[in-house]
C-alpha atoms as a PDB file:
ATOM      1  CA  UNK A   1     -77.424  -5.407  21.210  1.00  0.00           C
ATOM      2  CA  UNK A   2     -79.710  -3.046  23.078  1.00  0.00           C
ATOM      3  CA  UNK A   3     -82.334  -4.738  25.289  1.00  0.00           C
ATOM      4  CA  UNK A   4     -85.249  -3.300  23.290  1.00  0.00           C
ATOM      5  CA  UNK A   5     -83.671  -3.782  19.860  1.00  0.00           C
ATOM      6  CA  UNK A   6     -85.549  -6.226  17.609  1.00  0.00           C
ATOM      7  CA  UNK A   7     -83.840  -9.628  17.412  1.00  0.00           C
ATOM      8  CA  UNK A   8     -84.056  -9.362  13.616  1.00  0.00           C
ATOM      9  CA  UNK A   9     -81.336  -6.680  13.711  1.00  0.00           C
ATOM     10  CA  UNK A  10     -78.919  -9.004  15.498  1.00  0.00           C
ATOM     11  CA  UNK A  11     -79.698 -11.840  13.080  1.00  0.00           C
ATOM     12  CA  UNK A  12     -78.903  -9.601  10.100  1.00  0.00           C
ATOM     13  CA  UNK A  13     -75.674  -8.353  11.726  1.00  0.00           C
ATOM     14  CA  UNK A  14     -74.548 -11.946  12.238  1.00  0.00           C
ATOM     15  CA  UNK A  15     -75.366 -12.804   8.621  1.00  0.00           C
ATOM     16  CA  UNK A  16     -73.261 -10.014   7.153  1.00  0.00           C
ATOM     17  CA  UNK A  17     -70.415 -10.557   9.644  1.00  0.00           C
ATOM     18  CA  UNK A  18     -69.908 -14.136   8.490  1.00  0.00           C
ATOM     19  CA  UNK A  19     -67.519 -15.022   5.713  1.00  0.00           C
ATOM     20  CA  UNK A  20     -69.756 -16.586   3.044  1.00  0.00           C
ATOM     21  CA  UNK A  21     -68.103 -18.552   0.241  1.00  0.00           C
ATOM     22  CA  UNK A  22     -69.929 -20.088  -2.726  1.00  0.00           C
ATOM     23  CA  UNK A  23     -68.383 -23.385  -3.838  1.00  0.00           C
ATOM     24  CA  UNK A  24     -70.822 -24.329  -6.616  1.00  0.00           C
ATOM     25  CA  UNK A  25     -73.898 -23.061  -8.422  1.00  0.00           C
ATOM     26  CA  UNK A  26     -76.152 -25.201 -10.593  1.00  0.00           C
ATOM     27  CA  UNK A  27     -78.961 -23.774 -12.710  1.00  0.00           C
ATOM     28  CA  UNK A  28     -81.446 -25.959 -14.560  1.00  0.00           C
ATOM     29  CA  UNK A  29     -84.766 -25.299 -16.285  1.00  0.00           C
ATOM     30  CA  UNK A  30     -88.094 -26.114 -14.648  1.00  0.00           C
ATOM     31  CA  UNK A  31     -91.225 -27.383 -16.368  1.00  0.00           C
ATOM     32  CA  UNK A  32     -92.656 -23.837 -16.236  1.00  0.00           C
ATOM     33  CA  UNK A  33     -89.782 -22.421 -18.276  1.00  0.00           C
ATOM     34  CA  UNK A  34     -88.225 -20.808 -15.207  1.00  0.00           C
ATOM     35  CA  UNK A  35     -85.173 -22.018 -13.280  1.00  0.00           C
ATOM     36  CA  UNK A  36     -84.199 -24.272 -10.403  1.00  0.00           C
ATOM     37  CA  UNK A  37     -81.064 -22.960  -8.680  1.00  0.00           C
ATOM     38  CA  UNK A  38     -78.876 -24.862  -6.221  1.00  0.00           C
ATOM     39  CA  UNK A  39     -76.034 -23.025  -4.515  1.00  0.00           C
ATOM     40  CA  UNK A  40     -73.559 -24.777  -2.238  1.00  0.00           C
ATOM     41  CA  UNK A  41     -71.147 -22.931  -0.038  1.00  0.00           C
ATOM     42  CA  UNK A  42     -69.628 -22.441   3.371  1.00  0.00           C
ATOM     43  CA  UNK A  43     -69.949 -20.120   6.339  1.00  0.00           C
ATOM     44  CA  UNK A  44     -66.390 -19.407   7.512  1.00  0.00           C
ATOM     45  CA  UNK A  45     -63.519 -21.689   6.561  1.00  0.00           C
ATOM     46  CA  UNK A  46     -62.686 -25.296   7.416  1.00  0.00           C
ATOM     47  CA  UNK A  47     -61.042 -24.352  10.697  1.00  0.00           C
ATOM     48  CA  UNK A  48     -63.698 -21.956  11.978  1.00  0.00           C
ATOM     49  CA  UNK A  49     -66.971 -22.600  13.771  1.00  0.00           C
ATOM     50  CA  UNK A  50     -68.915 -19.764  12.139  1.00  0.00           C
ATOM     51  CA  UNK A  51     -72.012 -21.933  11.766  1.00  0.00           C
ATOM     52  CA  UNK A  52     -72.420 -21.850  15.549  1.00  0.00           C
ATOM     53  CA  UNK A  53     -73.072 -18.101  15.612  1.00  0.00           C
ATOM     54  CA  UNK A  54     -73.925 -17.242  11.992  1.00  0.00           C
ATOM     55  CA  UNK A  55     -76.256 -20.006  10.758  1.00  0.00           C
ATOM     56  CA  UNK A  56     -79.514 -18.557  12.078  1.00  0.00           C
ATOM     57  CA  UNK A  57     -78.672 -15.071  10.852  1.00  0.00           C
ATOM     58  CA  UNK A  58     -77.691 -16.390   7.427  1.00  0.00           C
ATOM     59  CA  UNK A  59     -80.943 -18.337   7.079  1.00  0.00           C
ATOM     60  CA  UNK A  60     -82.932 -15.338   8.320  1.00  0.00           C
ATOM     61  CA  UNK A  61     -81.230 -12.943   5.875  1.00  0.00           C
ATOM     62  CA  UNK A  62     -81.968 -15.265   2.947  1.00  0.00           C
ATOM     63  CA  UNK A  63     -85.591 -15.385   4.104  1.00  0.00           C
ATOM     64  CA  UNK A  64     -85.742 -11.577   4.204  1.00  0.00           C
ATOM     65  CA  UNK A  65     -84.379 -11.274   0.667  1.00  0.00           C
ATOM     66  CA  UNK A  66     -86.520 -14.096  -0.729  1.00  0.00           C
ATOM     67  CA  UNK A  67     -89.697 -12.769   0.898  1.00  0.00           C
ATOM     68  CA  UNK A  68     -89.055  -9.204  -0.271  1.00  0.00           C
ATOM     69  CA  UNK A  69     -88.638 -10.336  -3.882  1.00  0.00           C
ATOM     70  CA  UNK A  70     -91.465 -12.900  -3.832  1.00  0.00           C
ATOM     71  CA  UNK A  71     -94.751 -12.173  -5.562  1.00  0.00           C
ATOM     72  CA  UNK A  72     -98.056 -14.018  -5.712  1.00  0.00           C
ATOM     73  CA  UNK A  73     -98.649 -16.749  -8.224  1.00  0.00           C
ATOM     74  CA  UNK A  74    -102.119 -17.964  -9.108  1.00  0.00           C
ATOM     75  CA  UNK A  75    -104.675 -17.853  -6.314  1.00  0.00           C
ATOM     76  CA  UNK A  76    -102.059 -16.948  -3.685  1.00  0.00           C
ATOM     77  CA  UNK A  77    -102.669 -13.291  -4.582  1.00  0.00           C
ATOM     78  CA  UNK A  78    -105.685 -13.241  -2.275  1.00  0.00           C
ATOM     79  CA  UNK A  79    -103.330 -13.335   0.762  1.00  0.00           C
ATOM     80  CA  UNK A  80    -100.696 -10.985  -0.666  1.00  0.00           C
ATOM     81  CA  UNK A  81     -99.929  -7.728   1.131  1.00  0.00           C
ATOM     82  CA  UNK A  82     -97.540  -5.359  -0.646  1.00  0.00           C
ATOM     83  CA  UNK A  83     -96.062  -3.876   2.550  1.00  0.00           C
ATOM     84  CA  UNK A  84     -95.199  -6.990   4.527  1.00  0.00           C
ATOM     85  CA  UNK A  85     -91.913  -8.241   5.969  1.00  0.00           C
ATOM     86  CA  UNK A  86     -90.250 -11.518   6.869  1.00  0.00           C
ATOM     87  CA  UNK A  87     -89.919 -11.762  10.655  1.00  0.00           C
ATOM     88  CA  UNK A  88     -88.086 -13.896  13.195  1.00  0.00           C
ATOM     89  CA  UNK A  89     -91.453 -15.558  13.881  1.00  0.00           C
ATOM     90  CA  UNK A  90     -91.655 -16.544  10.199  1.00  0.00           C
ATOM     91  CA  UNK A  91     -88.184 -18.055  10.454  1.00  0.00           C
ATOM     92  CA  UNK A  92     -89.166 -20.089  13.512  1.00  0.00           C
ATOM     93  CA  UNK A  93     -92.346 -21.360  11.823  1.00  0.00           C
ATOM     94  CA  UNK A  94     -90.319 -22.807   8.940  1.00  0.00           C
ATOM     95  CA  UNK A  95     -87.133 -23.864  10.749  1.00  0.00           C
ATOM     96  CA  UNK A  96     -86.365 -27.364  11.960  1.00  0.00           C
ATOM     97  CA  UNK A  97     -83.389 -29.280  13.287  1.00  0.00           C
ATOM     98  CA  UNK A  98     -82.906 -32.454  11.290  1.00  0.00           C
ATOM     99  CA  UNK A  99     -80.035 -34.944  11.669  1.00  0.00           C
ATOM    100  CA  UNK A 100     -77.662 -32.266  12.952  1.00  0.00           C
ATOM    101  CA  UNK A 101     -78.618 -29.684  10.335  1.00  0.00           C
ATOM    102  CA  UNK A 102     -80.690 -26.511  10.454  1.00  0.00           C
ATOM    103  CA  UNK A 103     -83.280 -26.608   7.670  1.00  0.00           C
ATOM    104  CA  UNK A 104     -85.654 -23.844   6.587  1.00  0.00           C
ATOM    105  CA  UNK A 105     -88.135 -24.675   3.828  1.00  0.00           C
ATOM    106  CA  UNK A 106     -90.615 -22.172   2.456  1.00  0.00           C
ATOM    107  CA  UNK A 107     -93.237 -22.565  -0.221  1.00  0.00           C
ATOM    108  CA  UNK A 108     -96.008 -19.935  -0.101  1.00  0.00           C
ATOM    109  CA  UNK A 109     -95.935 -17.482   2.803  1.00  0.00           C
ATOM    110  CA  UNK A 110     -98.739 -14.940   3.191  1.00  0.00           C
ATOM    111  CA  UNK A 111     -99.486 -14.959  -0.515  1.00  0.00           C
ATOM    112  CA  UNK A 112     -95.865 -14.855  -1.673  1.00  0.00           C
ATOM    113  CA  UNK A 113     -94.331 -17.675  -3.679  1.00  0.00           C
ATOM    114  CA  UNK A 114     -90.961 -18.085  -1.932  1.00  0.00           C
ATOM    115  CA  UNK A 115     -89.996 -21.667  -2.882  1.00  0.00           C
ATOM    116  CA  UNK A 116     -86.685 -21.193  -1.092  1.00  0.00           C
ATOM    117  CA  UNK A 117     -84.941 -23.881   0.979  1.00  0.00           C
ATOM    118  CA  UNK A 118     -81.793 -23.396   3.066  1.00  0.00           C
ATOM    119  CA  UNK A 119     -79.822 -26.066   4.915  1.00  0.00           C
ATOM    120  CA  UNK A 120     -76.800 -25.325   7.121  1.00  0.00           C
ATOM    121  CA  UNK A 121     -74.640 -28.247   8.232  1.00  0.00           C
ATOM    122  CA  UNK A 122     -72.703 -28.331  11.534  1.00  0.00           C
ATOM    123  CA  UNK A 123     -69.370 -27.851   9.732  1.00  0.00           C
ATOM    124  CA  UNK A 124     -70.585 -24.613   8.101  1.00  0.00           C
ATOM    125  CA  UNK A 125     -71.478 -25.991   4.672  1.00  0.00           C
ATOM    126  CA  UNK A 126     -74.793 -24.789   3.295  1.00  0.00           C
ATOM    127  CA  UNK A 127     -77.155 -25.436   0.412  1.00  0.00           C
ATOM    128  CA  UNK A 128     -79.629 -22.902  -0.924  1.00  0.00           C
ATOM    129  CA  UNK A 129     -82.221 -23.967  -3.478  1.00  0.00           C
ATOM    130  CA  UNK A 130     -84.943 -22.009  -5.225  1.00  0.00           C
ATOM    131  CA  UNK A 131     -87.587 -23.089  -7.702  1.00  0.00           C
ATOM    132  CA  UNK A 132     -89.200 -20.747 -10.235  1.00  0.00           C
ATOM    133  CA  UNK A 133     -87.397 -17.705  -8.810  1.00  0.00           C
ATOM    134  CA  UNK A 134     -85.077 -17.054 -11.735  1.00  0.00           C
ATOM    135  CA  UNK A 135     -81.459 -16.702 -10.623  1.00  0.00           C
ATOM    136  CA  UNK A 136     -82.288 -14.356  -7.746  1.00  0.00           C
ATOM    137  CA  UNK A 137     -80.638 -16.671  -5.194  1.00  0.00           C
ATOM    138  CA  UNK A 138     -77.187 -15.806  -6.559  1.00  0.00           C
ATOM    139  CA  UNK A 139     -77.906 -12.109  -6.018  1.00  0.00           C
ATOM    140  CA  UNK A 140     -79.142 -12.718  -2.476  1.00  0.00           C
ATOM    141  CA  UNK A 141     -75.903 -14.482  -1.532  1.00  0.00           C
ATOM    142  CA  UNK A 142     -73.883 -11.704  -3.188  1.00  0.00           C
ATOM    143  CA  UNK A 143     -75.805  -9.116  -1.161  1.00  0.00           C
ATOM    144  CA  UNK A 144     -75.058 -10.951   2.084  1.00  0.00           C
ATOM    145  CA  UNK A 145     -71.398 -11.050   1.014  1.00  0.00           C
ATOM    146  CA  UNK A 146     -71.540  -7.255   0.705  1.00  0.00           C
ATOM    147  CA  UNK A 147     -71.180  -7.156  -3.071  1.00  0.00           C
ATOM    148  CA  UNK A 148     -72.919  -4.553  -5.218  1.00  0.00           C
ATOM    149  CA  UNK A 149     -75.659  -6.189  -7.221  1.00  0.00           C
ATOM    150  CA  UNK A 150     -76.894  -4.879 -10.551  1.00  0.00           C
ATOM    151  CA  UNK A 151     -80.611  -5.286 -11.120  1.00  0.00           C
ATOM    152  CA  UNK A 152     -82.535  -5.276 -14.384  1.00  0.00           C
ATOM    153  CA  UNK A 153     -84.814  -2.284 -14.916  1.00  0.00           C
ATOM    154  CA  UNK A 154     -87.863  -1.858 -17.098  1.00  0.00           C
ATOM    155  CA  UNK A 155     -87.456   0.352 -20.175  1.00  0.00           C
ATOM    156  CA  UNK A 156     -89.928   2.827 -18.616  1.00  0.00           C
ATOM    157  CA  UNK A 157     -88.035   2.804 -15.312  1.00  0.00           C
ATOM    158  CA  UNK A 158     -88.474   0.876 -12.111  1.00  0.00           C
ATOM    159  CA  UNK A 159     -86.862  -2.293 -10.906  1.00  0.00           C
ATOM    160  CA  UNK A 160     -87.913  -5.679 -12.235  1.00  0.00           C
ATOM    161  CA  UNK A 161     -88.710  -7.458  -8.970  1.00  0.00           C
ATOM    162  CA  UNK A 162     -87.905 -11.126  -8.401  1.00  0.00           C
ATOM    163  CA  UNK A 163     -85.803 -11.619 -11.519  1.00  0.00           C
END
């Protein structure tokens, strides 16, 4: 890392350098007709200590992807700015250390409905949950894993954001 390089770059490098494995995915309907998604997985394998160096980057990368895809809902549109980004400061505002785990919970951030929670355990296990975000969480994890992700497009062209 260069001394003047933004810390966000290092966090993203750590996220994509980690081996991310999904062990289970549960999808259930919400009362709004959307979906609640819970993904469980692991950073590294049972013998590795990847959580020590990759957990913050992994949580940050999920925040970047969730924030980028998030849109306003209801009155939150008043605070929405189209050209805004998730930052390390945003991560720190929502991050806490709880009973040995790193936990990041987001609801509405600057007009965007994120509703994304990430928990990383000391042994590298993680849970990622989203509410009313479709099945986007599965695509975010796939992107961090380096997989190509197909996105739905509108018949007239343009990506369908947040699906």
